[in-house]
Structure formats: C-alpha cells, structure tokens
PDB file of N, CA and C in Angstrom:
ATOM      1  N   UNK A   1    -159.000 139.730 -71.982  1.00  0.00           N
ATOM      2  CA  UNK A   1    -160.297 139.280 -72.515  1.00  0.00           C
ATOM      3  C   UNK A   1    -160.221 137.807 -72.936  1.00  0.00           C
ATOM      4  N   UNK A   2    -161.259 137.077 -72.628  1.00  0.00           N
ATOM      5  CA  UNK A   2    -161.300 135.668 -73.039  1.00  0.00           C
ATOM      6  C   UNK A   2    -161.743 135.564 -74.496  1.00  0.00           C
ATOM      7  N   UNK A   3    -161.207 134.570 -75.174  1.00  0.00           N
ATOM      8  CA  UNK A   3    -161.610 134.359 -76.570  1.00  0.00           C
ATOM      9  C   UNK A   3    -162.861 133.475 -76.607  1.00  0.00           C
ATOM     10  N   UNK A   4    -163.991 134.083 -76.910  1.00  0.00           N
ATOM     11  CA  UNK A   4    -165.242 133.312 -76.970  1.00  0.00           C
ATOM     12  C   UNK A   4    -166.003 133.707 -78.235  1.00  0.00           C
ATOM     13  N   UNK A   5    -165.501 133.293 -79.400  1.00  0.00           N
ATOM     14  CA  UNK A   5    -166.137 133.708 -80.656  1.00  0.00           C
ATOM     15  C   UNK A   5    -167.459 132.997 -80.926  1.00  0.00           C
ATOM     16  N   UNK A   6    -167.648 131.825 -80.341  1.00  0.00           N
ATOM     17  CA  UNK A   6    -168.830 131.035 -80.681  1.00  0.00           C
ATOM     18  C   UNK A   6    -170.000 131.270 -79.724  1.00  0.00           C
ATOM     19  N   UNK A   7    -169.773 132.042 -78.654  1.00  0.00           N
ATOM     20  CA  UNK A   7    -170.830 132.162 -77.640  1.00  0.00           C
ATOM     21  C   UNK A   7    -172.012 132.983 -78.168  1.00  0.00           C
ATOM     22  N   UNK A   8    -171.742 134.068 -78.883  1.00  0.00           N
ATOM     23  CA  UNK A   8    -172.850 134.934 -79.278  1.00  0.00           C
ATOM     24  C   UNK A   8    -173.904 134.241 -80.138  1.00  0.00           C
ATOM     25  N   UNK A   9    -173.540 133.655 -81.274  1.00  0.00           N
ATOM     26  CA  UNK A   9    -174.566 133.013 -82.100  1.00  0.00           C
ATOM     27  C   UNK A   9    -175.243 131.850 -81.385  1.00  0.00           C
ATOM     28  N   UNK A  10    -174.470 131.091 -80.607  1.00  0.00           N
ATOM     29  CA  UNK A  10    -175.064 129.952 -79.909  1.00  0.00           C
ATOM     30  C   UNK A  10    -176.063 130.429 -78.861  1.00  0.00           C
ATOM     31  N   UNK A  11    -175.689 131.439 -78.096  1.00  0.00           N
ATOM     32  CA  UNK A  11    -176.591 131.923 -77.055  1.00  0.00           C
ATOM     33  C   UNK A  11    -177.847 132.522 -77.682  1.00  0.00           C
ATOM     34  N   UNK A  12    -177.696 133.166 -78.840  1.00  0.00           N
ATOM     35  CA  UNK A  12    -178.875 133.707 -79.523  1.00  0.00           C
ATOM     36  C   UNK A  12    -179.801 132.571 -79.934  1.00  0.00           C
ATOM     37  N   UNK A  13    -179.223 131.506 -80.503  1.00  0.00           N
ATOM     38  CA  UNK A  13    -180.046 130.364 -80.911  1.00  0.00           C
ATOM     39  C   UNK A  13    -180.756 129.769 -79.703  1.00  0.00           C
ATOM     40  N   UNK A  14    -180.044 129.638 -78.593  1.00  0.00           N
ATOM     41  CA  UNK A  14    -180.646 129.074 -77.383  1.00  0.00           C
ATOM     42  C   UNK A  14    -181.792 129.955 -76.914  1.00  0.00           C
ATOM     43  N   UNK A  15    -181.593 131.263 -76.922  1.00  0.00           N
ATOM     44  CA  UNK A  15    -182.648 132.174 -76.487  1.00  0.00           C
ATOM     45  C   UNK A  15    -183.862 132.037 -77.394  1.00  0.00           C
ATOM     46  N   UNK A  16    -183.626 131.928 -78.702  1.00  0.00           N
ATOM     47  CA  UNK A  16    -184.748 131.777 -79.633  1.00  0.00           C
ATOM     48  C   UNK A  16    -185.476 130.459 -79.379  1.00  0.00           C
ATOM     49  N   UNK A  17    -184.717 129.387 -79.159  1.00  0.00           N
ATOM     50  CA  UNK A  17    -185.341 128.088 -78.886  1.00  0.00           C
ATOM     51  C   UNK A  17    -186.161 128.154 -77.599  1.00  0.00           C
ATOM     52  N   UNK A  18    -185.608 128.793 -76.566  1.00  0.00           N
ATOM     53  CA  UNK A  18    -186.340 128.902 -75.305  1.00  0.00           C
ATOM     54  C   UNK A  18    -187.632 129.686 -75.504  1.00  0.00           C
ATOM     55  N   UNK A  19    -187.575 130.759 -76.315  1.00  0.00           N
ATOM     56  CA  UNK A  19    -188.778 131.549 -76.574  1.00  0.00           C
ATOM     57  C   UNK A  19    -189.812 130.702 -77.309  1.00  0.00           C
ATOM     58  N   UNK A  20    -189.357 129.914 -78.285  1.00  0.00           N
ATOM     59  CA  UNK A  20    -190.283 129.055 -79.029  1.00  0.00           C
ATOM     60  C   UNK A  20    -190.917 128.028 -78.101  1.00  0.00           C
ATOM     61  N   UNK A  21    -190.111 127.443 -77.223  1.00  0.00           N
ATOM     62  CA  UNK A  21    -190.635 126.448 -76.283  1.00  0.00           C
ATOM     63  C   UNK A  21    -191.676 127.087 -75.375  1.00  0.00           C
ATOM     64  N   UNK A  22    -191.407 128.292 -74.887  1.00  0.00           N
ATOM     65  CA  UNK A  22    -192.369 128.977 -74.020  1.00  0.00           C
ATOM     66  C   UNK A  22    -193.678 129.206 -74.760  1.00  0.00           C
ATOM     67  N   UNK A  23    -193.589 129.636 -76.032  1.00  0.00           N
ATOM     68  CA  UNK A  23    -194.808 129.869 -76.811  1.00  0.00           C
ATOM     69  C   UNK A  23    -195.580 128.567 -77.000  1.00  0.00           C
ATOM     70  N   UNK A  24    -194.848 127.492 -77.326  1.00  0.00           N
ATOM     71  CA  UNK A  24    -195.517 126.201 -77.540  1.00  0.00           C
ATOM     72  C   UNK A  24    -196.188 125.730 -76.251  1.00  0.00           C
ATOM     73  N   UNK A  25    -195.509 125.866 -75.122  1.00  0.00           N
ATOM     74  CA  UNK A  25    -196.092 125.442 -73.854  1.00  0.00           C
ATOM     75  C   UNK A  25    -197.325 126.281 -73.533  1.00  0.00           C
ATOM     76  N   UNK A  26    -197.263 127.578 -73.802  1.00  0.00           N
ATOM     77  CA  UNK A  26    -198.410 128.445 -73.546  1.00  0.00           C
ATOM     78  C   UNK A  26    -199.588 128.023 -74.421  1.00  0.00           C
ATOM     79  N   UNK A  27    -199.323 127.741 -75.690  1.00  0.00           N
ATOM     80  CA  UNK A  27    -200.391 127.302 -76.594  1.00  0.00           C
ATOM     81  C   UNK A  27    -200.963 125.969 -76.121  1.00  0.00           C
ATOM     82  N   UNK A  28    -200.094 125.075 -75.679  1.00  0.00           N
ATOM     83  CA  UNK A  28    -200.553 123.767 -75.219  1.00  0.00           C
ATOM     84  C   UNK A  28    -201.458 123.929 -73.999  1.00  0.00           C
ATOM     85  N   UNK A  29    -201.045 124.744 -73.043  1.00  0.00           N
ATOM     86  CA  UNK A  29    -201.865 124.965 -71.852  1.00  0.00           C
ATOM     87  C   UNK A  29    -203.198 125.586 -72.244  1.00  0.00           C
ATOM     88  N   UNK A  30    -203.168 126.533 -73.173  1.00  0.00           N
ATOM     89  CA  UNK A  30    -204.393 127.202 -73.606  1.00  0.00           C
ATOM     90  C   UNK A  30    -205.342 126.197 -74.246  1.00  0.00           C
ATOM     91  N   UNK A  31    -204.824 125.376 -75.146  1.00  0.00           N
ATOM     92  CA  UNK A  31    -205.675 124.399 -75.839  1.00  0.00           C
ATOM     93  C   UNK A  31    -206.206 123.376 -74.835  1.00  0.00           C
ATOM     94  N   UNK A  32    -205.392 122.980 -73.864  1.00  0.00           N
ATOM     95  CA  UNK A  32    -205.849 122.014 -72.865  1.00  0.00           C
ATOM     96  C   UNK A  32    -206.984 122.606 -72.040  1.00  0.00           C
ATOM     97  N   UNK A  33    -206.870 123.867 -71.668  1.00  0.00           N
ATOM     98  CA  UNK A  33    -207.931 124.498 -70.880  1.00  0.00           C
ATOM     99  C   UNK A  33    -209.212 124.605 -71.708  1.00  0.00           C
ATOM    100  N   UNK A  34    -209.070 124.822 -73.021  1.00  0.00           N
ATOM    101  CA  UNK A  34    -210.251 124.873 -73.883  1.00  0.00           C
ATOM    102  C   UNK A  34    -210.913 123.496 -73.952  1.00  0.00           C
ATOM    103  N   UNK A  35    -210.106 122.443 -74.080  1.00  0.00           N
ATOM    104  CA  UNK A  35    -210.669 121.093 -74.177  1.00  0.00           C
ATOM    105  C   UNK A  35    -211.384 120.723 -72.882  1.00  0.00           C
ATOM    106  N   UNK A  36    -210.846 121.138 -71.745  1.00  0.00           N
ATOM    107  CA  UNK A  36    -211.475 120.791 -70.467  1.00  0.00           C
ATOM    108  C   UNK A  36    -212.854 121.429 -70.359  1.00  0.00           C
ATOM    109  N   UNK A  37    -213.021 122.603 -70.936  1.00  0.00           N
ATOM    110  CA  UNK A  37    -214.330 123.248 -70.895  1.00  0.00           C
ATOM    111  C   UNK A  37    -215.277 122.480 -71.811  1.00  0.00           C
TER     112      UNK A  37
END
C-alpha cells in the first residue's frame, strides 16, 4: 500500500471547491439569462 495520508482531506476540499464553482457558474448563467430578457 502506498502512503498517502494527505490525499483524502485535500481531495475532499477540491471536490467541495469544484461543487461551489459549479453552483456559482450556474447562478451566473441564470442571472445572465434573466438580464438578457
């Protein structure tokens, strides 16, 4: 087994950041479509 003690918390943080970015991008697209109308 490889010693990778730091991968779990880091990967969790990355996943959370990616989820936040996706939400922000979705909100941005939504607001932009509202402004265009």
